[in-house]
Amino acid sequence: MLVLVAPGQGAQTPGFLTPWLDLPGAADRLAAWSDAIGLDLAHYGTQADADQIRDTAVAQPLLVAAGLLSAAALGDIAPGAVAGHSVGEITAAAFAGVLDDTTALRLVRKRGLAMAEAAAITQTGMSALLGGDPETTVPHLEKLGLTPANVNGAGQIVAAGTMEQLAALEADKPEGVRRVVALKVAGAFHTHHMTPAVDVLAEAAAELSPGDPKITYVSNKDGRTVDAGSEVLARLVGQVANPVRWDLCMETFKELGVTALVEVCPGGTLTGLAKRALPGVKTLALKTPDDLDAARELIAEHSAA
């Protein structure tokens, strides 16, 4: 049983789209999406520096475009389930047929702009905590005024809040936490700091006509599968200001009988978590087109199974 997953913000690196644009049709597809959303995705994916692609309004559509491009390069595949981490949920919604590719890009462009605007109100950020026990870590974060914005499983929680609160965390780590790593994001996503973006996204979503998922869709809200396109869309809106429960998504993958997990470009983060939390599950991250053949072999083996 194969799960196809899409990463969230922080996975992007300068120039990561460059090799993908050499694939037949990829540059034309990216150009059409760029025209549709008013953002030069090819420029940001090939020439922009780390600070430019850290901008939320740029990073989010760039990540969704990369996921869609790399998945298209795999050909006609039939995963048993799809999921995405944070903004990757929009990519997954397109995989499942809830949104078409252009609609997904238009929605994520509005999401990125709204979240960037919300992030500008107060200087905020996010830091990953490596190690520790959630039962100890979460109360410690709350004591510092921080939100456990991403509960990722495999011993990783991402804290979000003001820069002052994150500095206090550096000086006062929860028991058992080995390291605190600042993430390359420009705001405290999936917290109350993003509440202003929810209304903007809700207004955008109200104009859409989503389809019901054609593939099992696993939601960040609680790890549950969602059968109705309208519910997928409602969860995408609300998730902006609520924690990502990737740990529960992986629990659902287990319950579904996952045997292999492929992470679309820019892959690496979610396969890393799966290697620790889903022992025995084969994983593959699409980083460059050189990974496509191995991914196709894995998909053929586990889709058939």
C-alpha atoms as a PDB file:
ATOM      1  CA  MET A   1       0.000   0.000   0.000  1.00  0.00           C
ATOM      2  CA  LEU A   2       1.579   3.236  -1.216  1.00  0.00           C
ATOM      3  CA  VAL A   3       1.172   6.687   0.352  1.00  0.00           C
ATOM      4  CA  LEU A   4       2.109   9.794  -1.653  1.00  0.00           C
ATOM      5  CA  VAL A   5       2.984  12.802   0.529  1.00  0.00           C
ATOM      6  CA  ALA A   6       3.873  16.465  -0.047  1.00  0.00           C
ATOM      7  CA  PRO A   7       6.180  18.539   2.191  1.00  0.00           C
ATOM      8  CA  GLY A   8       5.524  21.932   3.751  1.00  0.00           C
ATOM      9  CA  GLN A   9       7.351  25.204   4.162  1.00  0.00           C
ATOM     10  CA  GLY A  10      11.038  25.055   4.976  1.00  0.00           C
ATOM     11  CA  ALA A  11      11.691  22.228   2.483  1.00  0.00           C
ATOM     12  CA  GLN A  12      12.598  24.664  -0.313  1.00  0.00           C
ATOM     13  CA  THR A  13      16.230  25.472  -1.190  1.00  0.00           C
ATOM     14  CA  PRO A  14      17.675  27.887  -3.782  1.00  0.00           C
ATOM     15  CA  GLY A  15      17.609  26.463  -7.315  1.00  0.00           C
ATOM     16  CA  PHE A  16      15.769  23.271  -6.377  1.00  0.00           C
ATOM     17  CA  LEU A  17      13.450  23.431  -9.398  1.00  0.00           C
ATOM     18  CA  THR A  18      16.258  23.839 -11.965  1.00  0.00           C
ATOM     19  CA  PRO A  19      16.648  20.173 -13.018  1.00  0.00           C
ATOM     20  CA  TRP A  20      12.888  19.603 -13.136  1.00  0.00           C
ATOM     21  CA  LEU A  21      12.408  22.245 -15.825  1.00  0.00           C
ATOM     22  CA  ASP A  22      14.439  20.138 -18.262  1.00  0.00           C
ATOM     23  CA  LEU A  23      11.665  17.524 -18.316  1.00  0.00           C
ATOM     24  CA  PRO A  24       9.310  17.585 -21.336  1.00  0.00           C
ATOM     25  CA  GLY A  25       6.471  20.042 -20.825  1.00  0.00           C
ATOM     26  CA  ALA A  26       7.557  21.124 -17.337  1.00  0.00           C
ATOM     27  CA  ALA A  27       8.658  24.654 -18.259  1.00  0.00           C
ATOM     28  CA  ASP A  28       5.432  25.264 -20.204  1.00  0.00           C
ATOM     29  CA  ARG A  29       3.300  23.990 -17.350  1.00  0.00           C
ATOM     30  CA  LEU A  30       5.136  26.187 -14.842  1.00  0.00           C
ATOM     31  CA  ALA A  31       4.805  29.208 -17.130  1.00  0.00           C
ATOM     32  CA  ALA A  32       1.027  28.688 -17.384  1.00  0.00           C
ATOM     33  CA  TRP A  33       0.719  28.451 -13.608  1.00  0.00           C
ATOM     34  CA  SER A  34       2.870  31.572 -13.218  1.00  0.00           C
ATOM     35  CA  ASP A  35       0.534  33.496 -15.507  1.00  0.00           C
ATOM     36  CA  ALA A  36      -2.501  32.219 -13.604  1.00  0.00           C
ATOM     37  CA  ILE A  37      -1.267  33.424 -10.204  1.00  0.00           C
ATOM     38  CA  GLY A  38       0.867  36.440 -11.160  1.00  0.00           C
ATOM     39  CA  LEU A  39       4.120  35.020  -9.784  1.00  0.00           C
ATOM     40  CA  ASP A  40       7.215  33.962 -11.760  1.00  0.00           C
ATOM     41  CA  LEU A  41       7.607  30.463 -10.349  1.00  0.00           C
ATOM     42  CA  ALA A  42      10.490  29.576 -12.677  1.00  0.00           C
ATOM     43  CA  HIS A  43      12.514  32.564 -11.472  1.00  0.00           C
ATOM     44  CA  TYR A  44      11.938  31.792  -7.806  1.00  0.00           C
ATOM     45  CA  GLY A  45      12.554  28.083  -8.268  1.00  0.00           C
ATOM     46  CA  THR A  46      15.806  28.486 -10.189  1.00  0.00           C
ATOM     47  CA  GLN A  47      17.431  31.892  -9.539  1.00  0.00           C
ATOM     48  CA  ALA A  48      16.140  33.374  -6.277  1.00  0.00           C
ATOM     49  CA  ASP A  49      18.229  33.243  -3.109  1.00  0.00           C
ATOM     50  CA  ALA A  50      17.301  31.697   0.238  1.00  0.00           C
ATOM     51  CA  ASP A  51      15.828  34.900   1.674  1.00  0.00           C
ATOM     52  CA  GLN A  52      13.613  35.462  -1.364  1.00  0.00           C
ATOM     53  CA  ILE A  53      12.119  31.973  -1.260  1.00  0.00           C
ATOM     54  CA  ARG A  54      11.696  32.193   2.502  1.00  0.00           C
ATOM     55  CA  ASP A  55       8.965  34.767   1.859  1.00  0.00           C
ATOM     56  CA  THR A  56       5.723  32.986   2.710  1.00  0.00           C
ATOM     57  CA  ALA A  57       3.892  34.465  -0.276  1.00  0.00           C
ATOM     58  CA  VAL A  58       6.532  32.942  -2.566  1.00  0.00           C
ATOM     59  CA  ALA A  59       7.395  29.722  -0.742  1.00  0.00           C
ATOM     60  CA  GLN A  60       3.876  28.321  -0.573  1.00  0.00           C
ATOM     61  CA  PRO A  61       2.963  28.414  -4.283  1.00  0.00           C
ATOM     62  CA  LEU A  62       6.508  27.355  -5.152  1.00  0.00           C
ATOM     63  CA  LEU A  63       6.205  24.228  -3.012  1.00  0.00           C
ATOM     64  CA  VAL A  64       2.804  23.284  -4.402  1.00  0.00           C
ATOM     65  CA  ALA A  65       4.040  23.803  -7.972  1.00  0.00           C
ATOM     66  CA  ALA A  66       7.105  21.636  -7.278  1.00  0.00           C
ATOM     67  CA  GLY A  67       4.961  18.870  -5.837  1.00  0.00           C
ATOM     68  CA  LEU A  68       2.604  18.896  -8.795  1.00  0.00           C
ATOM     69  CA  LEU A  69       5.434  18.962 -11.344  1.00  0.00           C
ATOM     70  CA  SER A  70       7.308  16.080  -9.762  1.00  0.00           C
ATOM     71  CA  ALA A  71       4.176  13.966  -9.322  1.00  0.00           C
ATOM     72  CA  ALA A  72       3.239  14.532 -12.968  1.00  0.00           C
ATOM     73  CA  ALA A  73       6.706  13.304 -13.960  1.00  0.00           C
ATOM     74  CA  LEU A  74       5.955   9.962 -12.283  1.00  0.00           C
ATOM     75  CA  GLY A  75       3.228   9.301 -14.846  1.00  0.00           C
ATOM     76  CA  ASP A  76      -0.151   7.748 -14.190  1.00  0.00           C
ATOM     77  CA  ILE A  77       0.083   6.364 -10.660  1.00  0.00           C
ATOM     78  CA  ALA A  78      -2.531   5.138  -8.178  1.00  0.00           C
ATOM     79  CA  PRO A  79      -1.442   5.624  -4.556  1.00  0.00           C
ATOM     80  CA  GLY A  80      -3.558   4.114  -1.827  1.00  0.00           C
ATOM     81  CA  ALA A  81      -3.622   7.396   0.088  1.00  0.00           C
ATOM     82  CA  VAL A  82      -2.344  10.971  -0.109  1.00  0.00           C
ATOM     83  CA  ALA A  83      -1.453  13.555   2.514  1.00  0.00           C
ATOM     84  CA  GLY A  84       0.528  16.758   2.794  1.00  0.00           C
ATOM     85  CA  HIS A  85       2.232  18.579   5.638  1.00  0.00           C
ATOM     86  CA  SER A  86       0.782  22.080   6.167  1.00  0.00           C
ATOM     87  CA  VAL A  87       0.738  23.791   2.746  1.00  0.00           C
ATOM     88  CA  GLY A  88       1.430  20.353   1.273  1.00  0.00           C
ATOM     89  CA  GLU A  89      -2.216  19.565   2.056  1.00  0.00           C
ATOM     90  CA  ILE A  90      -3.185  21.709  -0.940  1.00  0.00           C
ATOM     91  CA  THR A  91      -0.828  19.662  -3.120  1.00  0.00           C
ATOM     92  CA  ALA A  92      -2.425  16.493  -1.750  1.00  0.00           C
ATOM     93  CA  ALA A  93      -5.901  17.896  -2.450  1.00  0.00           C
ATOM     94  CA  ALA A  94      -4.885  18.256  -6.102  1.00  0.00           C
ATOM     95  CA  PHE A  95      -3.502  14.692  -6.123  1.00  0.00           C
ATOM     96  CA  ALA A  96      -6.858  13.466  -4.820  1.00  0.00           C
ATOM     97  CA  GLY A  97      -8.863  15.375  -7.431  1.00  0.00           C
ATOM     98  CA  VAL A  98     -10.453  17.753  -4.916  1.00  0.00           C
ATOM     99  CA  LEU A  99      -8.932  20.710  -6.814  1.00  0.00           C
ATOM    100  CA  ASP A 100      -7.448  20.915 -10.288  1.00  0.00           C
ATOM    101  CA  ASP A 101      -3.827  22.038 -10.502  1.00  0.00           C
ATOM    102  CA  THR A 102      -4.498  25.655 -11.492  1.00  0.00           C
ATOM    103  CA  THR A 103      -7.186  26.083  -8.828  1.00  0.00           C
ATOM    104  CA  ALA A 104      -4.799  24.660  -6.223  1.00  0.00           C
ATOM    105  CA  LEU A 105      -2.128  27.172  -7.266  1.00  0.00           C
ATOM    106  CA  ARG A 106      -4.577  30.081  -7.149  1.00  0.00           C
ATOM    107  CA  LEU A 107      -5.754  29.034  -3.691  1.00  0.00           C
ATOM    108  CA  VAL A 108      -2.250  28.622  -2.320  1.00  0.00           C
ATOM    109  CA  ARG A 109      -1.222  31.996  -3.742  1.00  0.00           C
ATOM    110  CA  LYS A 110      -4.027  33.619  -1.743  1.00  0.00           C
ATOM    111  CA  ARG A 111      -3.082  31.537   1.300  1.00  0.00           C
ATOM    112  CA  GLY A 112       0.552  32.601   1.104  1.00  0.00           C
ATOM    113  CA  LEU A 113      -0.279  36.299   0.706  1.00  0.00           C
ATOM    114  CA  ALA A 114      -2.781  36.215   3.577  1.00  0.00           C
ATOM    115  CA  MET A 115      -0.392  34.392   5.900  1.00  0.00           C
ATOM    116  CA  ALA A 116       2.461  36.747   5.004  1.00  0.00           C
ATOM    117  CA  GLU A 117       0.235  39.686   5.866  1.00  0.00           C
ATOM    118  CA  ALA A 118      -0.740  38.074   9.181  1.00  0.00           C
ATOM    119  CA  ALA A 119       2.909  37.295   9.941  1.00  0.00           C
ATOM    120  CA  ALA A 120       3.840  40.960   9.417  1.00  0.00           C
ATOM    121  CA  ILE A 121       1.671  42.076  12.351  1.00  0.00           C
ATOM    122  CA  THR A 122       4.058  40.647  14.947  1.00  0.00           C
ATOM    123  CA  GLN A 123       7.599  39.307  14.535  1.00  0.00           C
ATOM    124  CA  THR A 124       7.164  35.562  14.950  1.00  0.00           C
ATOM    125  CA  GLY A 125       8.834  32.312  13.939  1.00  0.00           C
ATOM    126  CA  MET A 126       9.083  28.571  14.452  1.00  0.00           C
ATOM    127  CA  SER A 127      11.691  26.212  15.914  1.00  0.00           C
ATOM    128  CA  ALA A 128      11.939  22.430  15.774  1.00  0.00           C
ATOM    129  CA  LEU A 129      12.597  20.572  19.008  1.00  0.00           C
ATOM    130  CA  LEU A 130      14.527  17.344  18.549  1.00  0.00           C
ATOM    131  CA  GLY A 131      14.048  14.686  21.190  1.00  0.00           C
ATOM    132  CA  GLY A 132      11.984  14.808  24.332  1.00  0.00           C
ATOM    133  CA  ASP A 133       8.585  13.424  25.290  1.00  0.00           C
ATOM    134  CA  PRO A 134       5.431  15.249  24.107  1.00  0.00           C
ATOM    135  CA  GLU A 135       3.885  14.859  27.560  1.00  0.00           C
ATOM    136  CA  THR A 136       6.749  16.916  28.980  1.00  0.00           C
ATOM    137  CA  THR A 137       7.426  19.176  26.007  1.00  0.00           C
ATOM    138  CA  VAL A 138       3.907  20.464  25.294  1.00  0.00           C
ATOM    139  CA  PRO A 139       3.217  21.807  28.839  1.00  0.00           C
ATOM    140  CA  HIS A 140       6.690  23.405  28.842  1.00  0.00           C
ATOM    141  CA  LEU A 141       5.951  25.199  25.566  1.00  0.00           C
ATOM    142  CA  GLU A 142       2.607  26.400  26.827  1.00  0.00           C
ATOM    143  CA  LYS A 143       4.273  27.732  29.978  1.00  0.00           C
ATOM    144  CA  LEU A 144       6.507  29.862  27.723  1.00  0.00           C
ATOM    145  CA  GLY A 145       3.496  31.078  25.730  1.00  0.00           C
ATOM    146  CA  LEU A 146       4.459  28.999  22.695  1.00  0.00           C
ATOM    147  CA  THR A 147       2.191  26.767  20.588  1.00  0.00           C
ATOM    148  CA  PRO A 148       3.107  23.182  19.585  1.00  0.00           C
ATOM    149  CA  ALA A 149       2.260  24.106  15.983  1.00  0.00           C
ATOM    150  CA  ASN A 150       3.514  20.891  14.348  1.00  0.00           C
ATOM    151  CA  VAL A 151       3.364  17.628  16.277  1.00  0.00           C
ATOM    152  CA  ASN A 152       5.373  15.605  13.790  1.00  0.00           C
ATOM    153  CA  GLY A 153       5.954  12.338  15.613  1.00  0.00           C
ATOM    154  CA  ALA A 154       9.323  10.547  15.637  1.00  0.00           C
ATOM    155  CA  GLY A 155      10.415  12.715  18.567  1.00  0.00           C
ATOM    156  CA  GLN A 156       9.871  16.048  16.818  1.00  0.00           C
ATOM    157  CA  ILE A 157       7.634  18.964  17.776  1.00  0.00           C
ATOM    158  CA  VAL A 158       7.760  22.414  16.193  1.00  0.00           C
ATOM    159  CA  ALA A 159       7.130  25.348  18.500  1.00  0.00           C
ATOM    160  CA  ALA A 160       5.763  28.648  17.211  1.00  0.00           C
ATOM    161  CA  GLY A 161       5.401  32.086  18.730  1.00  0.00           C
ATOM    162  CA  THR A 162       7.079  35.465  19.049  1.00  0.00           C
ATOM    163  CA  MET A 163      10.825  35.808  18.636  1.00  0.00           C
ATOM    164  CA  GLU A 164      11.100  36.649  22.351  1.00  0.00           C
ATOM    165  CA  GLN A 165       9.263  33.458  23.282  1.00  0.00           C
ATOM    166  CA  LEU A 166      11.493  31.412  20.963  1.00  0.00           C
ATOM    167  CA  ALA A 167      14.589  33.003  22.513  1.00  0.00           C
ATOM    168  CA  ALA A 168      13.294  31.992  25.941  1.00  0.00           C
ATOM    169  CA  LEU A 169      12.913  28.438  24.626  1.00  0.00           C
ATOM    170  CA  GLU A 170      16.553  28.393  23.515  1.00  0.00           C
ATOM    171  CA  ALA A 171      17.554  29.335  27.062  1.00  0.00           C
ATOM    172  CA  ASP A 172      15.088  26.975  28.726  1.00  0.00           C
ATOM    173  CA  LYS A 173      14.675  23.751  26.735  1.00  0.00           C
ATOM    174  CA  PRO A 174      12.168  21.123  27.889  1.00  0.00           C
ATOM    175  CA  GLU A 175      13.604  18.091  29.633  1.00  0.00           C
ATOM    176  CA  GLY A 176      14.946  15.538  27.157  1.00  0.00           C
ATOM    177  CA  VAL A 177      15.115  17.911  24.178  1.00  0.00           C
ATOM    178  CA  ARG A 178      18.552  17.646  22.564  1.00  0.00           C
ATOM    179  CA  ARG A 179      18.397  20.607  20.208  1.00  0.00           C
ATOM    180  CA  VAL A 180      16.243  23.552  19.220  1.00  0.00           C
ATOM    181  CA  VAL A 181      16.575  24.410  15.508  1.00  0.00           C
ATOM    182  CA  ALA A 182      15.169  27.639  14.063  1.00  0.00           C
ATOM    183  CA  LEU A 183      13.204  26.955  10.871  1.00  0.00           C
ATOM    184  CA  LYS A 184      13.422  28.877   7.586  1.00  0.00           C
ATOM    185  CA  VAL A 185       9.899  30.229   7.793  1.00  0.00           C
ATOM    186  CA  ALA A 186       8.642  33.770   8.173  1.00  0.00           C
ATOM    187  CA  GLY A 187       5.951  33.443  10.809  1.00  0.00           C
ATOM    188  CA  ALA A 188       4.227  31.448  13.539  1.00  0.00           C
ATOM    189  CA  PHE A 189       2.102  29.315  11.257  1.00  0.00           C
ATOM    190  CA  HIS A 190      -0.707  27.124  12.605  1.00  0.00           C
ATOM    191  CA  THR A 191      -1.185  29.352  15.643  1.00  0.00           C
ATOM    192  CA  HIS A 192      -3.547  32.147  16.696  1.00  0.00           C
ATOM    193  CA  HIS A 193      -1.127  34.583  15.001  1.00  0.00           C
ATOM    194  CA  MET A 194      -2.570  33.366  11.668  1.00  0.00           C
ATOM    195  CA  THR A 195      -6.220  34.017  12.565  1.00  0.00           C
ATOM    196  CA  PRO A 196      -6.483  37.032  10.203  1.00  0.00           C
ATOM    197  CA  ALA A 197      -5.590  34.753   7.281  1.00  0.00           C
ATOM    198  CA  VAL A 198      -8.438  32.332   8.013  1.00  0.00           C
ATOM    199  CA  ASP A 199     -11.157  34.780   6.962  1.00  0.00           C
ATOM    200  CA  VAL A 200      -9.312  35.618   3.733  1.00  0.00           C
ATOM    201  CA  LEU A 201      -8.916  31.959   2.858  1.00  0.00           C
ATOM    202  CA  ALA A 202     -12.519  31.171   3.775  1.00  0.00           C
ATOM    203  CA  GLU A 203     -13.696  33.853   1.354  1.00  0.00           C
ATOM    204  CA  ALA A 204     -11.490  32.400  -1.405  1.00  0.00           C
ATOM    205  CA  ALA A 205     -12.650  28.843  -0.681  1.00  0.00           C
ATOM    206  CA  ALA A 206     -16.316  29.882  -0.846  1.00  0.00           C
ATOM    207  CA  GLU A 207     -15.873  30.582  -4.562  1.00  0.00           C
ATOM    208  CA  LEU A 208     -14.641  27.062  -5.330  1.00  0.00           C
ATOM    209  CA  SER A 209     -16.493  23.880  -6.278  1.00  0.00           C
ATOM    210  CA  PRO A 210     -14.335  21.051  -4.894  1.00  0.00           C
ATOM    211  CA  GLY A 211     -14.653  17.464  -6.052  1.00  0.00           C
ATOM    212  CA  ASP A 212     -14.800  14.552  -3.623  1.00  0.00           C
ATOM    213  CA  PRO A 213     -11.446  12.795  -3.152  1.00  0.00           C
ATOM    214  CA  LYS A 214     -10.803  10.020  -5.666  1.00  0.00           C
ATOM    215  CA  ILE A 215      -7.955   8.762  -3.474  1.00  0.00           C
ATOM    216  CA  THR A 216      -8.014   8.346   0.323  1.00  0.00           C
ATOM    217  CA  TYR A 217      -7.162  11.786   1.745  1.00  0.00           C
ATOM    218  CA  VAL A 218      -5.608  12.018   5.214  1.00  0.00           C
ATOM    219  CA  SER A 219      -6.072  15.320   7.056  1.00  0.00           C
ATOM    220  CA  ASN A 220      -3.547  17.209   9.220  1.00  0.00           C
ATOM    221  CA  LYS A 221      -6.293  18.255  11.610  1.00  0.00           C
ATOM    222  CA  ASP A 222      -6.633  14.890  13.320  1.00  0.00           C
ATOM    223  CA  GLY A 223      -5.139  12.261  11.004  1.00  0.00           C
ATOM    224  CA  ARG A 224      -8.578  11.177   9.852  1.00  0.00           C
ATOM    225  CA  THR A 225      -9.523  10.315   6.293  1.00  0.00           C
ATOM    226  CA  VAL A 226     -11.951  12.737   4.651  1.00  0.00           C
ATOM    227  CA  ASP A 227     -14.484  11.625   2.028  1.00  0.00           C
ATOM    228  CA  ALA A 228     -16.127  14.921   0.989  1.00  0.00           C
ATOM    229  CA  GLY A 229     -14.418  17.641  -1.014  1.00  0.00           C
ATOM    230  CA  SER A 230     -16.297  20.336   0.897  1.00  0.00           C
ATOM    231  CA  GLU A 231     -14.894  18.984   4.173  1.00  0.00           C
ATOM    232  CA  VAL A 232     -11.362  18.851   2.739  1.00  0.00           C
ATOM    233  CA  LEU A 233     -11.683  22.507   1.769  1.00  0.00           C
ATOM    234  CA  ALA A 234     -13.092  23.518   5.168  1.00  0.00           C
ATOM    235  CA  ARG A 235     -10.194  21.779   6.889  1.00  0.00           C
ATOM    236  CA  LEU A 236      -7.658  23.498   4.604  1.00  0.00           C
ATOM    237  CA  VAL A 237      -9.065  26.849   5.713  1.00  0.00           C
ATOM    238  CA  GLY A 238      -9.149  26.111   9.443  1.00  0.00           C
ATOM    239  CA  GLN A 239      -5.738  24.421   9.474  1.00  0.00           C
ATOM    240  CA  VAL A 240      -3.982  27.737   8.843  1.00  0.00           C
ATOM    241  CA  ALA A 241      -4.483  28.718  12.496  1.00  0.00           C
ATOM    242  CA  ASN A 242      -4.445  25.249  14.099  1.00  0.00           C
ATOM    243  CA  PRO A 243      -1.661  22.742  14.823  1.00  0.00           C
ATOM    244  CA  VAL A 244      -0.539  20.169  12.259  1.00  0.00           C
ATOM    245  CA  ARG A 245      -0.859  16.640  13.624  1.00  0.00           C
ATOM    246  CA  TRP A 246       1.475  14.750  11.316  1.00  0.00           C
ATOM    247  CA  ASP A 247       1.970  12.182  14.072  1.00  0.00           C
ATOM    248  CA  LEU A 248      -1.702  11.239  13.740  1.00  0.00           C
ATOM    249  CA  CYS A 249      -1.432  11.155   9.946  1.00  0.00           C
ATOM    250  CA  MET A 250       1.356   8.569  10.260  1.00  0.00           C
ATOM    251  CA  GLU A 251      -0.759   6.556  12.694  1.00  0.00           C
ATOM    252  CA  THR A 252      -3.480   6.476  10.039  1.00  0.00           C
ATOM    253  CA  PHE A 253      -0.952   5.368   7.424  1.00  0.00           C
ATOM    254  CA  LYS A 254      -0.182   2.425   9.712  1.00  0.00           C
ATOM    255  CA  GLU A 255      -3.860   1.584  10.104  1.00  0.00           C
ATOM    256  CA  LEU A 256      -4.289   1.689   6.329  1.00  0.00           C
ATOM    257  CA  GLY A 257      -1.458  -0.830   5.972  1.00  0.00           C
ATOM    258  CA  VAL A 258       1.197   1.396   4.406  1.00  0.00           C
ATOM    259  CA  THR A 259       4.182  -0.477   2.949  1.00  0.00           C
ATOM    260  CA  ALA A 260       5.824   2.353   0.987  1.00  0.00           C
ATOM    261  CA  LEU A 261       5.879   6.155   1.132  1.00  0.00           C
ATOM    262  CA  VAL A 262       6.994   8.497  -1.664  1.00  0.00           C
ATOM    263  CA  GLU A 263       7.532  12.199  -0.933  1.00  0.00           C
ATOM    264  CA  VAL A 264       7.259  14.585  -3.861  1.00  0.00           C
ATOM    265  CA  CYS A 265       9.758  17.379  -4.551  1.00  0.00           C
ATOM    266  CA  PRO A 266      11.387  18.889  -2.548  1.00  0.00           C
ATOM    267  CA  GLY A 267      11.382  15.613  -0.667  1.00  0.00           C
ATOM    268  CA  GLY A 268      13.350  14.626   2.420  1.00  0.00           C
ATOM    269  CA  THR A 269      11.595  15.968   5.522  1.00  0.00           C
ATOM    270  CA  LEU A 270       8.623  13.612   5.620  1.00  0.00           C
ATOM    271  CA  THR A 271      10.605  10.557   4.535  1.00  0.00           C
ATOM    272  CA  GLY A 272      12.985  11.314   7.416  1.00  0.00           C
ATOM    273  CA  LEU A 273      10.089  11.272   9.875  1.00  0.00           C
ATOM    274  CA  ALA A 274       8.671   8.093   8.317  1.00  0.00           C
ATOM    275  CA  LYS A 275      11.980   6.264   8.630  1.00  0.00           C
ATOM    276  CA  ARG A 276      11.838   6.785  12.391  1.00  0.00           C
ATOM    277  CA  ALA A 277       8.094   6.442  13.003  1.00  0.00           C
ATOM    278  CA  LEU A 278       7.168   3.780  10.416  1.00  0.00           C
ATOM    279  CA  PRO A 279       9.819   1.057  10.677  1.00  0.00           C
ATOM    280  CA  GLY A 280       9.708  -1.447   7.843  1.00  0.00           C
ATOM    281  CA  VAL A 281       8.027   0.989   5.453  1.00  0.00           C
ATOM    282  CA  LYS A 282      10.076   1.690   2.340  1.00  0.00           C
ATOM    283  CA  THR A 283      10.569   5.397   1.682  1.00  0.00           C
ATOM    284  CA  LEU A 284      11.752   7.492  -1.239  1.00  0.00           C
ATOM    285  CA  ALA A 285      12.142  11.269  -1.554  1.00  0.00           C
ATOM    286  CA  LEU A 286      11.955  12.979  -4.942  1.00  0.00           C
ATOM    287  CA  LYS A 287      14.760  15.518  -4.849  1.00  0.00           C
ATOM    288  CA  THR A 288      15.789  15.587  -8.514  1.00  0.00           C
ATOM    289  CA  PRO A 289      14.585  13.825 -11.681  1.00  0.00           C
ATOM    290  CA  ASP A 290      17.360  11.285 -11.059  1.00  0.00           C
ATOM    291  CA  ASP A 291      15.061   9.818  -8.372  1.00  0.00           C
ATOM    292  CA  LEU A 292      12.169   9.168 -10.760  1.00  0.00           C
ATOM    293  CA  ASP A 293      13.140   5.686 -11.967  1.00  0.00           C
ATOM    294  CA  ALA A 294      13.594   4.362  -8.438  1.00  0.00           C
ATOM    295  CA  ALA A 295      10.291   5.950  -7.426  1.00  0.00           C
ATOM    296  CA  ARG A 296       8.457   4.362 -10.343  1.00  0.00           C
ATOM    297  CA  GLU A 297       9.842   0.944  -9.395  1.00  0.00           C
ATOM    298  CA  LEU A 298       8.751   1.377  -5.789  1.00  0.00           C
ATOM    299  CA  ILE A 299       5.319   2.610  -6.859  1.00  0.00           C
ATOM    300  CA  ALA A 300       4.832  -0.301  -9.270  1.00  0.00           C
ATOM    301  CA  GLU A 301       5.782  -2.817  -6.591  1.00  0.00           C
ATOM    302  CA  HIS A 302       3.607  -1.382  -3.813  1.00  0.00           C
ATOM    303  CA  SER A 303       0.630  -0.200  -5.859  1.00  0.00           C
ATOM    304  CA  ALA A 304       0.336  -3.758  -7.190  1.00  0.00           C
ATOM    305  CA  ALA A 305       0.596  -5.132  -3.673  1.00  0.00           C
END
